[in-house]
Amino acid sequence: MHEVRTRRSADDFPVSEHLAYKIAQVAVDPVAVPPDTAAMVVNRVIDNAAVSAAAVLRRPVATARRQAMARPVGSGARVFGVDGCYSAEWAAWANAVAVRELDYHDTFLAADYSHPGDNIPPLVAVAQQLDVPGDDLVRGVATAYEVQICLVKGICLHEHKIDHVAHLGPSVAAGLGAMLRLDVDTIYHAIGQALHLTTATRQSRKGAISSWKAFAPAHAAKVAIEAVDRAMRGEGSPAPIWEGEDGVIAWLLSGPERTYRVPLPGPGEPKRAILDSYTKEHSAEYQSQAPIDLARRLRSRIGNVDDIASVVLHTSHHTHYVIGTGSGDPQKFDPDASRETLDHSLPYIFAVALQDGAWHHERSYSYERSHHPDTIALWRKVATVEDPEWTRRYHSDDPTEKAFGARAVVTLRNGDVITDELAVADAHPLGARPFDREQYIAKFRLLTDGVVSPIEQQRFLDAAQRMDDVDALHLHVLPEVLAREPNIPPGIFTAGR
């Protein structure tokens, strides 16, 4: 556990004590990747490909793909869905948008939020460009997960309205450093540059949420690749980036009076943090995963949902204020809100899950669904309240009591009250139906159906599970599917110019 606080420029504060340097030491540690960690890396590579396939025709994904395809190279990285090789940082950009667009991949929640699967696209892209061995890619991904999850455990960004990708930039830089077996000083400067350039406000996740939510981690990934490239050429970084008098803690976080405590693995300690993260069964913000399962369970007890007078979800501070009524966002009750906004509206999600007894990554967000009169009526009967016990459990260090769910109090028109609660989603490692390789493959089959040919599906699954050819970690989408991509107006970057 490392104490991290602001230091004066005049202080005797050696580089070896900088948090960025300690993270770089974690990255250069030659400790072997445990088999269960390596197996989970494979699961998350499969998961990322699955959600990318489901998002292939989404407008932000098509836009990012077009931007990347304007940078063809003779030998480089692969852009999801299409042929050819492209510059690694732009391939990472396109692929990271595809992974993030549907809010359907993995999550880790502690002092802050994260989607650590966002680390995978930039590492795969660089591995493809440099023909890195699969074992080194696995090592890099395990390191990136470790660093991001440790930062999320120790440093809260959202209370200062800083977007959580400020933890992603350093983790990608550290993961790339581990994968490429760079020296500690090079990784240290790459981490400093990446953090310096990836701090942004949380307005991207507030009010009317735009498509930038999908681009935000892609931007951090692209910035981190470029930071590593500069550091490899000998360029330095602002330092100490977290602890400096004009650094992140002093001016963007809690200030010189605050000491943060950041856990990092010690020398020789295996990297296992990926095992603490969890994927999604449903395409929605993670804190709505357990409430969706709870709604499905409650539906049979309620009977006719038209008989509901009110629903109150007692939940954690984070859930109440980010995706609940504590946010004060009227957009969360607007049928014309963007998909990104509805994805962050627990009242909407709970109402639809109650009515349908299911959740679908497309149908549940459709215009017809959000505008259905009985849905709107039920939606406006749902409210959230913060419950101190759920907040305590949200922040618990004990994985057996850590909870991201809610207690639902459903009052019917006749006065009857039905209550139920669910601490973790069914797909959570401690849930009713935890995900293992079989479930990841099933999710992949479901989301690639009609998008990728069965032969290509199997080719990718075989390659991902062998992890011996990084160039094979790529999916070819059916041409007739890509032919239906939305019409994107031309921009500055156009293929062939």
Protein backbone atom coordinates (compact mmCIF):
# COMPACT_ATOMS: atom_id res chain seq x y z
CA MET A 1 0.00 0.00 0.00
CA HIS A 2 1.59 3.26 -1.13
CA GLU A 3 0.78 6.66 0.34
CA VAL A 4 0.57 9.28 -2.40
CA ARG A 5 0.31 13.00 -1.68
CA THR A 6 1.40 16.36 -3.04
CA ARG A 7 5.09 17.25 -2.64
CA ARG A 8 6.73 20.66 -2.91
CA SER A 9 9.29 21.14 -5.65
CA ALA A 10 11.86 21.86 -2.92
CA ASP A 11 11.18 18.55 -1.15
CA ASP A 12 13.66 15.70 -1.28
CA PHE A 13 11.42 13.37 -3.22
CA PRO A 14 13.43 10.86 -5.28
CA VAL A 15 12.06 9.54 -8.56
CA SER A 16 11.96 6.03 -7.14
CA GLU A 17 9.20 7.22 -4.77
CA HIS A 18 6.97 8.65 -7.50
CA LEU A 19 3.77 6.67 -8.02
CA ALA A 20 4.45 6.60 -11.77
CA TYR A 21 7.85 5.00 -11.11
CA LYS A 22 6.36 2.42 -8.73
CA ILE A 23 3.81 1.50 -11.39
CA ALA A 24 6.63 1.21 -13.92
CA GLN A 25 8.39 -1.19 -11.54
CA VAL A 26 5.24 -3.33 -11.49
CA ALA A 27 5.32 -3.37 -15.30
CA VAL A 28 8.94 -4.54 -15.55
CA ASP A 29 8.57 -7.27 -12.92
CA PRO A 30 9.28 -10.53 -14.81
CA VAL A 31 6.91 -12.57 -12.59
CA ALA A 32 5.05 -15.25 -14.56
CA VAL A 33 1.39 -14.80 -15.44
CA PRO A 34 -0.71 -17.30 -13.43
CA PRO A 35 -2.77 -19.75 -15.51
CA ASP A 36 -6.11 -18.47 -14.17
CA THR A 37 -5.11 -14.90 -15.06
CA ALA A 38 -4.10 -15.99 -18.57
CA ALA A 39 -7.39 -17.85 -18.98
CA MET A 40 -9.35 -14.76 -17.98
CA VAL A 41 -7.38 -12.65 -20.47
CA VAL A 42 -8.60 -15.03 -23.17
CA ASN A 43 -12.18 -14.70 -21.88
CA ARG A 44 -12.01 -10.92 -22.10
CA VAL A 45 -10.52 -10.97 -25.61
CA ILE A 46 -13.50 -13.08 -26.65
CA ASP A 47 -15.89 -10.78 -24.80
CA ASN A 48 -14.48 -7.68 -26.48
CA ALA A 49 -14.87 -9.25 -29.92
CA ALA A 50 -18.46 -10.20 -29.13
CA VAL A 51 -19.58 -6.71 -28.14
CA SER A 52 -17.66 -5.19 -31.05
CA ALA A 53 -19.61 -7.38 -33.46
CA ALA A 54 -22.90 -6.29 -31.92
CA ALA A 55 -21.88 -2.63 -32.33
CA VAL A 56 -20.45 -2.84 -35.85
CA LEU A 57 -23.23 -0.76 -37.46
CA ARG A 58 -23.48 1.84 -34.71
CA ARG A 59 -22.68 5.31 -36.02
CA PRO A 60 -19.72 6.09 -33.67
CA VAL A 61 -18.14 2.74 -34.56
CA ALA A 62 -18.53 3.40 -38.29
CA THR A 63 -17.07 6.89 -37.85
CA ALA A 64 -14.02 5.62 -35.96
CA ARG A 65 -13.55 2.85 -38.50
CA ARG A 66 -13.57 5.34 -41.37
CA GLN A 67 -11.03 7.53 -39.57
CA ALA A 68 -8.71 4.57 -39.01
CA MET A 69 -9.02 3.34 -42.57
CA ALA A 70 -7.60 6.65 -43.76
CA ARG A 71 -4.23 5.45 -42.34
CA PRO A 72 -3.37 2.27 -44.27
CA VAL A 73 0.14 0.86 -43.90
CA GLY A 74 1.93 -2.03 -45.50
CA SER A 75 2.35 -3.95 -42.26
CA GLY A 76 0.42 -2.87 -39.19
CA ALA A 77 -2.60 -3.46 -37.01
CA ARG A 78 -6.06 -4.71 -37.93
CA VAL A 79 -9.26 -2.70 -37.79
CA PHE A 80 -12.20 -4.73 -36.57
CA GLY A 81 -14.40 -6.02 -39.37
CA VAL A 82 -12.39 -5.00 -42.45
CA ASP A 83 -9.37 -6.13 -44.42
CA GLY A 84 -5.99 -4.43 -44.56
CA CYS A 85 -3.41 -3.12 -42.11
CA TYR A 86 -3.53 0.27 -40.45
CA SER A 87 -1.45 2.41 -38.13
CA ALA A 88 -1.60 0.94 -34.62
CA GLU A 89 -2.82 4.03 -32.78
CA TRP A 90 -5.70 4.51 -35.21
CA ALA A 91 -6.59 0.81 -35.23
CA ALA A 92 -6.69 1.01 -31.43
CA TRP A 93 -8.94 4.07 -31.74
CA ALA A 94 -11.45 2.29 -33.99
CA ASN A 95 -11.43 -0.97 -32.08
CA ALA A 96 -11.74 0.70 -28.68
CA VAL A 97 -14.83 2.61 -29.85
CA ALA A 98 -16.36 -0.66 -31.07
CA VAL A 99 -15.67 -2.31 -27.71
CA ARG A 100 -17.07 0.56 -25.66
CA GLU A 101 -20.08 1.65 -27.73
CA LEU A 102 -22.74 -0.66 -26.28
CA ASP A 103 -21.52 -0.52 -22.65
CA TYR A 104 -21.47 -4.31 -22.77
CA HIS A 105 -17.96 -5.40 -21.70
CA ASP A 106 -16.27 -5.75 -18.33
CA THR A 107 -16.23 -3.46 -15.31
CA PHE A 108 -14.51 -2.91 -12.01
CA LEU A 109 -15.97 -0.62 -9.34
CA ALA A 110 -14.31 0.59 -6.14
CA ALA A 111 -13.30 4.15 -5.20
CA ASP A 112 -13.93 4.95 -8.86
CA TYR A 113 -15.29 3.31 -11.99
CA SER A 114 -13.53 1.49 -14.80
CA HIS A 115 -13.96 -0.73 -17.82
CA PRO A 116 -10.57 -2.49 -17.79
CA GLY A 117 -11.36 -4.29 -21.05
CA ASP A 118 -10.64 -0.89 -22.66
CA ASN A 119 -6.96 -1.80 -22.24
CA ILE A 120 -7.17 -4.67 -24.71
CA PRO A 121 -7.64 -2.87 -28.08
CA PRO A 122 -4.49 -0.70 -27.83
CA LEU A 123 -2.35 -3.61 -26.65
CA VAL A 124 -3.60 -5.90 -29.41
CA ALA A 125 -3.07 -3.17 -32.04
CA VAL A 126 0.54 -2.55 -31.00
CA ALA A 127 1.17 -6.30 -30.70
CA GLN A 128 -0.05 -6.74 -34.27
CA GLN A 129 2.03 -3.86 -35.61
CA LEU A 130 5.21 -5.13 -33.94
CA ASP A 131 4.44 -8.87 -34.28
CA VAL A 132 4.62 -9.43 -30.53
CA PRO A 133 4.39 -13.03 -29.23
CA GLY A 134 1.04 -13.99 -27.73
CA ASP A 135 2.54 -14.69 -24.32
CA ASP A 136 3.86 -11.13 -24.15
CA LEU A 137 0.43 -9.78 -25.12
CA VAL A 138 -1.12 -11.74 -22.25
CA ARG A 139 1.55 -10.36 -19.91
CA GLY A 140 0.80 -6.82 -21.05
CA VAL A 141 -2.97 -7.20 -20.65
CA ALA A 142 -2.57 -8.68 -17.16
CA THR A 143 -0.34 -5.73 -16.21
CA ALA A 144 -2.74 -3.14 -17.64
CA TYR A 145 -5.66 -4.65 -15.71
CA GLU A 146 -3.54 -4.73 -12.54
CA VAL A 147 -2.58 -1.06 -12.80
CA GLN A 148 -6.02 0.27 -13.68
CA ILE A 149 -7.76 -1.72 -10.96
CA CYS A 150 -5.20 -0.66 -8.35
CA LEU A 151 -5.68 3.00 -9.30
CA VAL A 152 -9.46 2.57 -9.15
CA LYS A 153 -9.14 1.09 -5.66
CA GLY A 154 -7.00 3.96 -4.40
CA ILE A 155 -7.93 7.21 -6.18
CA CYS A 156 -11.46 8.55 -6.62
CA LEU A 157 -11.78 10.74 -9.71
CA HIS A 158 -15.53 11.18 -10.03
CA GLU A 159 -15.95 13.20 -6.81
CA HIS A 160 -13.90 15.89 -8.58
CA LYS A 161 -15.85 15.38 -11.84
CA ILE A 162 -12.82 13.87 -13.60
CA ASP A 163 -13.65 11.12 -16.08
CA HIS A 164 -12.38 7.66 -15.19
CA VAL A 165 -10.27 7.38 -18.35
CA ALA A 166 -7.62 9.29 -16.36
CA HIS A 167 -6.81 5.87 -14.86
CA LEU A 168 -6.86 4.21 -18.28
CA GLY A 169 -4.09 6.26 -19.89
CA PRO A 170 -1.48 5.17 -17.30
CA SER A 171 -2.67 1.55 -17.33
CA VAL A 172 -2.37 1.27 -21.12
CA ALA A 173 1.11 2.82 -20.96
CA ALA A 174 2.15 0.35 -18.25
CA GLY A 175 0.63 -2.58 -20.13
CA LEU A 176 2.43 -1.62 -23.33
CA GLY A 177 5.66 -1.27 -21.39
CA ALA A 178 5.27 -4.75 -19.92
CA MET A 179 4.30 -6.27 -23.27
CA LEU A 180 7.24 -4.68 -25.10
CA ARG A 181 9.62 -5.38 -22.19
CA LEU A 182 10.70 -1.75 -21.97
CA ASP A 183 12.97 -0.45 -19.21
CA VAL A 184 11.56 1.14 -16.06
CA ASP A 185 12.57 4.72 -16.96
CA THR A 186 10.89 4.56 -20.37
CA ILE A 187 7.67 3.23 -18.85
CA TYR A 188 7.82 5.87 -16.10
CA HIS A 189 7.88 8.70 -18.64
CA ALA A 190 5.17 7.09 -20.77
CA ILE A 191 2.89 6.82 -17.73
CA GLY A 192 3.48 10.47 -16.84
CA GLN A 193 2.71 11.66 -20.34
CA ALA A 194 -0.37 9.46 -20.62
CA LEU A 195 -1.87 10.71 -17.36
CA HIS A 196 -1.05 14.33 -18.16
CA LEU A 197 -2.94 14.08 -21.46
CA THR A 198 -5.98 11.99 -20.47
CA THR A 199 -7.59 14.01 -17.68
CA ALA A 200 -11.02 15.21 -18.78
CA THR A 201 -14.26 16.24 -17.11
CA ARG A 202 -17.17 13.89 -16.40
CA GLN A 203 -19.55 16.00 -18.45
CA SER A 204 -19.27 13.23 -21.03
CA ARG A 205 -21.42 11.14 -18.64
CA LYS A 206 -23.81 13.81 -17.41
CA GLY A 207 -27.14 15.13 -18.68
CA ALA A 208 -27.60 14.47 -22.40
CA ILE A 209 -24.89 11.85 -22.89
CA SER A 210 -23.43 11.93 -26.39
CA SER A 211 -21.48 9.49 -28.54
CA TRP A 212 -18.25 10.83 -26.99
CA LYS A 213 -18.79 8.33 -24.16
CA ALA A 214 -17.66 5.62 -26.60
CA PHE A 215 -14.76 7.68 -27.94
CA ALA A 216 -13.36 8.69 -24.51
CA PRO A 217 -11.46 5.44 -23.76
CA ALA A 218 -10.35 5.23 -27.39
CA HIS A 219 -8.81 8.68 -27.05
CA ALA A 220 -6.98 7.60 -23.87
CA ALA A 221 -5.73 4.46 -25.61
CA LYS A 222 -4.48 6.38 -28.64
CA VAL A 223 -2.78 8.98 -26.43
CA ALA A 224 -1.07 6.24 -24.39
CA ILE A 225 0.32 4.55 -27.52
CA GLU A 226 1.74 7.85 -28.71
CA ALA A 227 3.16 8.53 -25.22
CA VAL A 228 4.97 5.19 -25.22
CA ASP A 229 6.34 5.90 -28.70
CA ARG A 230 7.74 9.26 -27.55
CA ALA A 231 9.18 7.78 -24.37
CA MET A 232 10.88 5.02 -26.37
CA ARG A 233 12.59 7.77 -28.37
CA GLY A 234 13.92 9.33 -25.16
CA GLU A 235 11.33 12.05 -24.47
CA GLY A 236 10.40 12.84 -20.87
CA SER A 237 7.22 13.65 -19.00
CA PRO A 238 5.87 16.18 -16.45
CA ALA A 239 7.02 14.88 -13.08
CA PRO A 240 6.02 14.02 -10.51
CA ILE A 241 2.71 13.87 -12.34
CA TRP A 242 0.49 12.83 -9.44
CA GLU A 243 2.46 14.37 -6.56
CA GLY A 244 3.85 17.62 -8.02
CA GLU A 245 2.95 21.06 -6.65
CA ASP A 246 1.05 21.73 -9.86
CA GLY A 247 0.22 18.07 -10.43
CA VAL A 248 -2.97 16.04 -10.58
CA ILE A 249 -3.57 15.63 -6.84
CA ALA A 250 -2.87 19.27 -6.02
CA TRP A 251 -5.16 20.84 -8.59
CA LEU A 252 -7.48 18.23 -10.08
CA LEU A 253 -8.17 15.99 -7.09
CA SER A 254 -8.36 16.62 -3.33
CA GLY A 255 -5.40 18.99 -2.99
CA PRO A 256 -2.21 19.08 -0.92
CA GLU A 257 -3.99 18.09 2.30
CA ARG A 258 -5.11 14.70 0.97
CA THR A 259 -3.12 11.46 1.10
CA TYR A 260 -4.27 8.66 -1.21
CA ARG A 261 -3.45 5.02 -0.51
CA VAL A 262 -2.82 3.02 -3.68
CA PRO A 263 -2.27 -0.76 -3.56
CA LEU A 264 0.25 -2.27 -5.96
CA PRO A 265 1.61 -5.82 -6.16
CA GLY A 266 5.03 -6.27 -4.64
CA PRO A 267 8.07 -7.68 -6.47
CA GLY A 268 7.42 -11.23 -7.56
CA GLU A 269 3.71 -11.04 -6.70
CA PRO A 270 1.53 -12.50 -9.50
CA LYS A 271 -0.86 -10.16 -11.30
CA ARG A 272 -4.36 -11.36 -10.51
CA ALA A 273 -6.49 -8.21 -10.49
CA ILE A 274 -8.30 -9.20 -13.69
CA LEU A 275 -9.99 -11.92 -11.63
CA ASP A 276 -11.61 -9.22 -9.48
CA SER A 277 -13.32 -7.65 -12.50
CA TYR A 278 -16.62 -8.81 -13.94
CA THR A 279 -18.28 -8.81 -17.32
CA LYS A 280 -21.87 -7.96 -18.27
CA GLU A 281 -24.73 -10.18 -19.27
CA HIS A 282 -26.75 -7.10 -20.20
CA SER A 283 -25.88 -4.12 -22.40
CA ALA A 284 -26.25 -1.39 -19.78
CA GLU A 285 -24.21 0.49 -17.18
CA TYR A 286 -22.81 -2.01 -14.68
CA GLN A 287 -24.71 -0.72 -11.67
CA SER A 288 -27.93 -1.64 -13.46
CA GLN A 289 -26.89 -5.30 -14.01
CA ALA A 290 -28.17 -6.60 -10.67
CA PRO A 291 -31.34 -4.43 -10.83
CA ILE A 292 -32.15 -5.93 -14.25
CA ASP A 293 -31.87 -9.42 -12.79
CA LEU A 294 -33.88 -8.28 -9.77
CA ALA A 295 -36.63 -6.91 -12.04
CA ARG A 296 -36.76 -10.19 -13.94
CA ARG A 297 -37.17 -12.02 -10.63
CA LEU A 298 -39.82 -9.63 -9.31
CA ARG A 299 -41.94 -9.75 -12.44
CA SER A 300 -43.58 -13.08 -11.60
CA ARG A 301 -44.41 -11.90 -8.06
CA ILE A 302 -46.00 -8.67 -9.24
CA GLY A 303 -48.17 -10.16 -11.94
CA ASN A 304 -49.66 -7.25 -13.88
CA VAL A 305 -47.11 -4.44 -13.86
CA ASP A 306 -49.92 -1.98 -14.66
CA ASP A 307 -50.97 -2.44 -11.02
CA ILE A 308 -47.76 -0.78 -9.79
CA ALA A 309 -48.22 2.54 -7.99
CA SER A 310 -44.54 3.20 -7.25
CA VAL A 311 -41.10 1.60 -7.19
CA VAL A 312 -38.32 2.77 -4.88
CA LEU A 313 -34.84 1.31 -5.33
CA HIS A 314 -32.71 1.58 -2.19
CA THR A 315 -29.13 1.53 -3.40
CA SER A 316 -25.61 2.93 -3.09
CA HIS A 317 -24.47 6.54 -3.36
CA HIS A 318 -22.81 5.88 -6.70
CA THR A 319 -25.86 4.21 -8.23
CA HIS A 320 -28.27 6.84 -6.91
CA TYR A 321 -26.26 9.82 -8.10
CA VAL A 322 -24.85 8.47 -11.37
CA ILE A 323 -27.70 6.49 -12.95
CA GLY A 324 -30.53 7.16 -10.51
CA THR A 325 -32.80 10.05 -9.61
CA GLY A 326 -30.10 11.54 -7.38
CA SER A 327 -28.40 12.77 -10.55
CA GLY A 328 -31.12 15.40 -11.03
CA ASP A 329 -30.94 14.80 -14.79
CA PRO A 330 -34.36 15.28 -16.44
CA GLN A 331 -32.89 13.60 -19.52
CA LYS A 332 -33.05 10.29 -17.63
CA PHE A 333 -36.85 10.44 -18.03
CA ASP A 334 -36.93 11.70 -21.61
CA PRO A 335 -38.23 9.20 -24.23
CA ASP A 336 -36.24 11.11 -26.87
CA ALA A 337 -32.98 10.75 -24.92
CA SER A 338 -29.97 9.19 -26.63
CA ARG A 339 -29.15 5.53 -26.18
CA GLU A 340 -26.15 6.62 -24.13
CA THR A 341 -28.46 8.53 -21.76
CA LEU A 342 -31.00 5.71 -21.44
CA ASP A 343 -28.08 3.38 -20.70
CA HIS A 344 -27.43 5.61 -17.66
CA SER A 345 -31.08 5.78 -16.54
CA LEU A 346 -31.83 3.13 -13.92
CA PRO A 347 -35.54 4.14 -13.80
CA TYR A 348 -35.88 3.42 -17.53
CA ILE A 349 -33.87 0.20 -17.38
CA PHE A 350 -35.78 -1.15 -14.39
CA ALA A 351 -39.16 -0.29 -15.94
CA VAL A 352 -38.37 -2.05 -19.23
CA ALA A 353 -36.88 -5.08 -17.47
CA LEU A 354 -40.02 -5.33 -15.31
CA GLN A 355 -42.28 -5.20 -18.34
CA ASP A 356 -40.28 -7.50 -20.63
CA GLY A 357 -38.66 -9.85 -18.14
CA ALA A 358 -35.51 -9.51 -20.24
CA TRP A 359 -32.99 -7.03 -21.59
CA HIS A 360 -31.75 -6.76 -25.17
CA HIS A 361 -28.89 -4.64 -26.47
CA GLU A 362 -30.98 -3.30 -29.37
CA ARG A 363 -34.71 -3.82 -28.73
CA SER A 364 -34.60 -2.44 -25.19
CA TYR A 365 -33.26 0.88 -26.47
CA SER A 366 -35.40 1.22 -29.59
CA TYR A 367 -37.44 4.32 -30.33
CA GLU A 368 -40.63 2.28 -30.12
CA ARG A 369 -39.64 0.85 -26.74
CA SER A 370 -38.79 4.17 -25.07
CA HIS A 371 -41.94 5.81 -26.50
CA HIS A 372 -44.42 3.12 -25.52
CA PRO A 373 -47.09 4.84 -23.35
CA ASP A 374 -47.23 2.17 -20.64
CA THR A 375 -43.42 2.15 -20.44
CA ILE A 376 -43.33 5.91 -19.97
CA ALA A 377 -46.01 5.66 -17.28
CA LEU A 378 -44.11 2.97 -15.34
CA TRP A 379 -40.75 4.65 -15.92
CA ARG A 380 -41.94 7.78 -14.13
CA LYS A 381 -43.03 5.76 -11.11
CA VAL A 382 -39.46 4.52 -10.46
CA ALA A 383 -37.17 6.42 -8.07
CA THR A 384 -33.90 5.70 -6.29
CA VAL A 385 -32.74 6.62 -2.80
CA GLU A 386 -29.32 6.30 -1.23
CA ASP A 387 -29.09 3.69 1.51
CA PRO A 388 -25.98 3.95 3.74
CA GLU A 389 -25.73 0.17 4.06
CA TRP A 390 -25.67 -0.31 0.28
CA THR A 391 -23.03 2.45 0.04
CA ARG A 392 -20.94 0.70 2.69
CA ARG A 393 -21.21 -2.62 0.87
CA TYR A 394 -20.33 -0.95 -2.44
CA HIS A 395 -17.00 0.16 -0.94
CA SER A 396 -16.31 -2.97 1.10
CA ASP A 397 -12.91 -4.61 0.70
CA ASP A 398 -14.49 -7.98 1.42
CA PRO A 399 -15.49 -9.49 -1.94
CA THR A 400 -18.14 -11.65 -0.25
CA GLU A 401 -20.12 -8.59 0.91
CA LYS A 402 -19.24 -6.10 -1.84
CA ALA A 403 -22.50 -5.24 -3.60
CA PHE A 404 -23.67 -3.28 -6.64
CA GLY A 405 -27.36 -4.03 -6.43
CA ALA A 406 -30.45 -2.65 -4.72
CA ARG A 407 -33.47 -3.39 -2.57
CA ALA A 408 -36.70 -2.82 -4.46
CA VAL A 409 -39.86 -1.68 -2.69
CA VAL A 410 -42.80 -2.06 -5.06
CA THR A 411 -46.11 -0.59 -3.92
CA LEU A 412 -49.22 -1.73 -5.76
CA ARG A 413 -52.36 0.32 -6.29
CA ASN A 414 -54.24 -1.81 -3.76
CA GLY A 415 -51.67 -0.94 -1.09
CA ASP A 416 -49.79 -4.22 -1.12
CA VAL A 417 -45.99 -3.90 -0.87
CA ILE A 418 -43.60 -6.35 -2.50
CA THR A 419 -39.91 -6.19 -1.60
CA ASP A 420 -36.86 -8.05 -2.82
CA GLU A 421 -33.14 -7.36 -3.14
CA LEU A 422 -30.15 -8.58 -5.09
CA ALA A 423 -26.55 -7.76 -4.17
CA VAL A 424 -24.72 -8.83 -7.33
CA ALA A 425 -25.74 -9.64 -10.88
CA ASP A 426 -26.40 -13.25 -11.84
CA ALA A 427 -23.30 -13.19 -14.10
CA HIS A 428 -21.02 -11.88 -11.31
CA PRO A 429 -18.39 -14.36 -10.01
CA LEU A 430 -20.50 -14.66 -6.81
CA GLY A 431 -23.84 -14.50 -8.64
CA ALA A 432 -26.45 -17.11 -9.46
CA ARG A 433 -24.98 -17.90 -12.91
CA PRO A 434 -21.35 -16.75 -12.97
CA PHE A 435 -19.64 -16.41 -16.33
CA ASP A 436 -16.96 -18.91 -17.30
CA ARG A 437 -15.48 -19.78 -20.71
CA GLU A 438 -18.72 -21.47 -21.76
CA GLN A 439 -20.76 -18.31 -21.07
CA TYR A 440 -18.25 -16.03 -22.79
CA ILE A 441 -18.39 -18.21 -25.90
CA ALA A 442 -22.20 -18.29 -25.76
CA LYS A 443 -22.29 -14.48 -25.57
CA PHE A 444 -19.87 -14.36 -28.50
CA ARG A 445 -22.03 -16.73 -30.58
CA LEU A 446 -25.15 -14.71 -29.79
CA LEU A 447 -23.69 -11.31 -30.67
CA THR A 448 -21.80 -12.41 -33.78
CA ASP A 449 -24.76 -14.31 -35.24
CA GLY A 450 -25.67 -12.77 -38.58
CA VAL A 451 -22.65 -10.44 -38.38
CA VAL A 452 -19.78 -12.90 -38.78
CA SER A 453 -19.89 -16.20 -40.68
CA PRO A 454 -19.92 -19.40 -38.56
CA ILE A 455 -16.55 -20.41 -40.04
CA GLU A 456 -15.03 -17.05 -39.08
CA GLN A 457 -16.57 -17.28 -35.61
CA GLN A 458 -14.85 -20.61 -35.02
CA ARG A 459 -11.56 -19.43 -36.51
CA PHE A 460 -11.48 -16.49 -34.10
CA LEU A 461 -12.43 -18.58 -31.05
CA ASP A 462 -9.69 -21.09 -31.85
CA ALA A 463 -7.12 -18.30 -32.30
CA ALA A 464 -8.12 -16.52 -29.10
CA GLN A 465 -7.92 -19.69 -27.04
CA ARG A 466 -4.49 -20.58 -28.47
CA MET A 467 -3.21 -17.00 -28.17
CA ASP A 468 -0.20 -17.86 -30.35
CA ASP A 469 -0.84 -15.51 -33.30
CA VAL A 470 -1.75 -11.92 -32.45
CA ASP A 471 -2.57 -11.11 -36.07
CA ALA A 472 -5.37 -13.68 -35.92
CA LEU A 473 -7.14 -11.73 -33.14
CA HIS A 474 -9.35 -10.07 -35.68
CA LEU A 475 -12.85 -10.65 -37.03
CA HIS A 476 -13.99 -10.30 -40.64
CA VAL A 477 -17.56 -9.01 -40.75
CA LEU A 478 -19.86 -10.20 -43.52
CA PRO A 479 -19.70 -7.77 -46.49
CA GLU A 480 -23.47 -7.50 -46.64
CA VAL A 481 -23.48 -6.32 -43.03
CA LEU A 482 -20.83 -3.65 -43.59
CA ALA A 483 -22.79 -2.51 -46.66
CA ARG A 484 -25.51 -1.37 -44.26
CA GLU A 485 -23.29 0.92 -42.21
CA PRO A 486 -24.70 4.43 -41.70
CA ASN A 487 -23.87 7.18 -44.13
CA ILE A 488 -20.98 9.12 -42.58
CA PRO A 489 -20.22 12.59 -44.03
CA PRO A 490 -16.58 13.08 -45.09
CA GLY A 491 -14.17 14.70 -42.68
CA ILE A 492 -10.57 15.85 -42.84
CA PHE A 493 -9.21 12.32 -42.90
CA THR A 494 -10.20 10.40 -46.02
CA ALA A 495 -8.73 7.21 -47.41
CA GLY A 496 -6.65 7.82 -50.52
CA ARG A 497 -5.81 11.46 -49.77
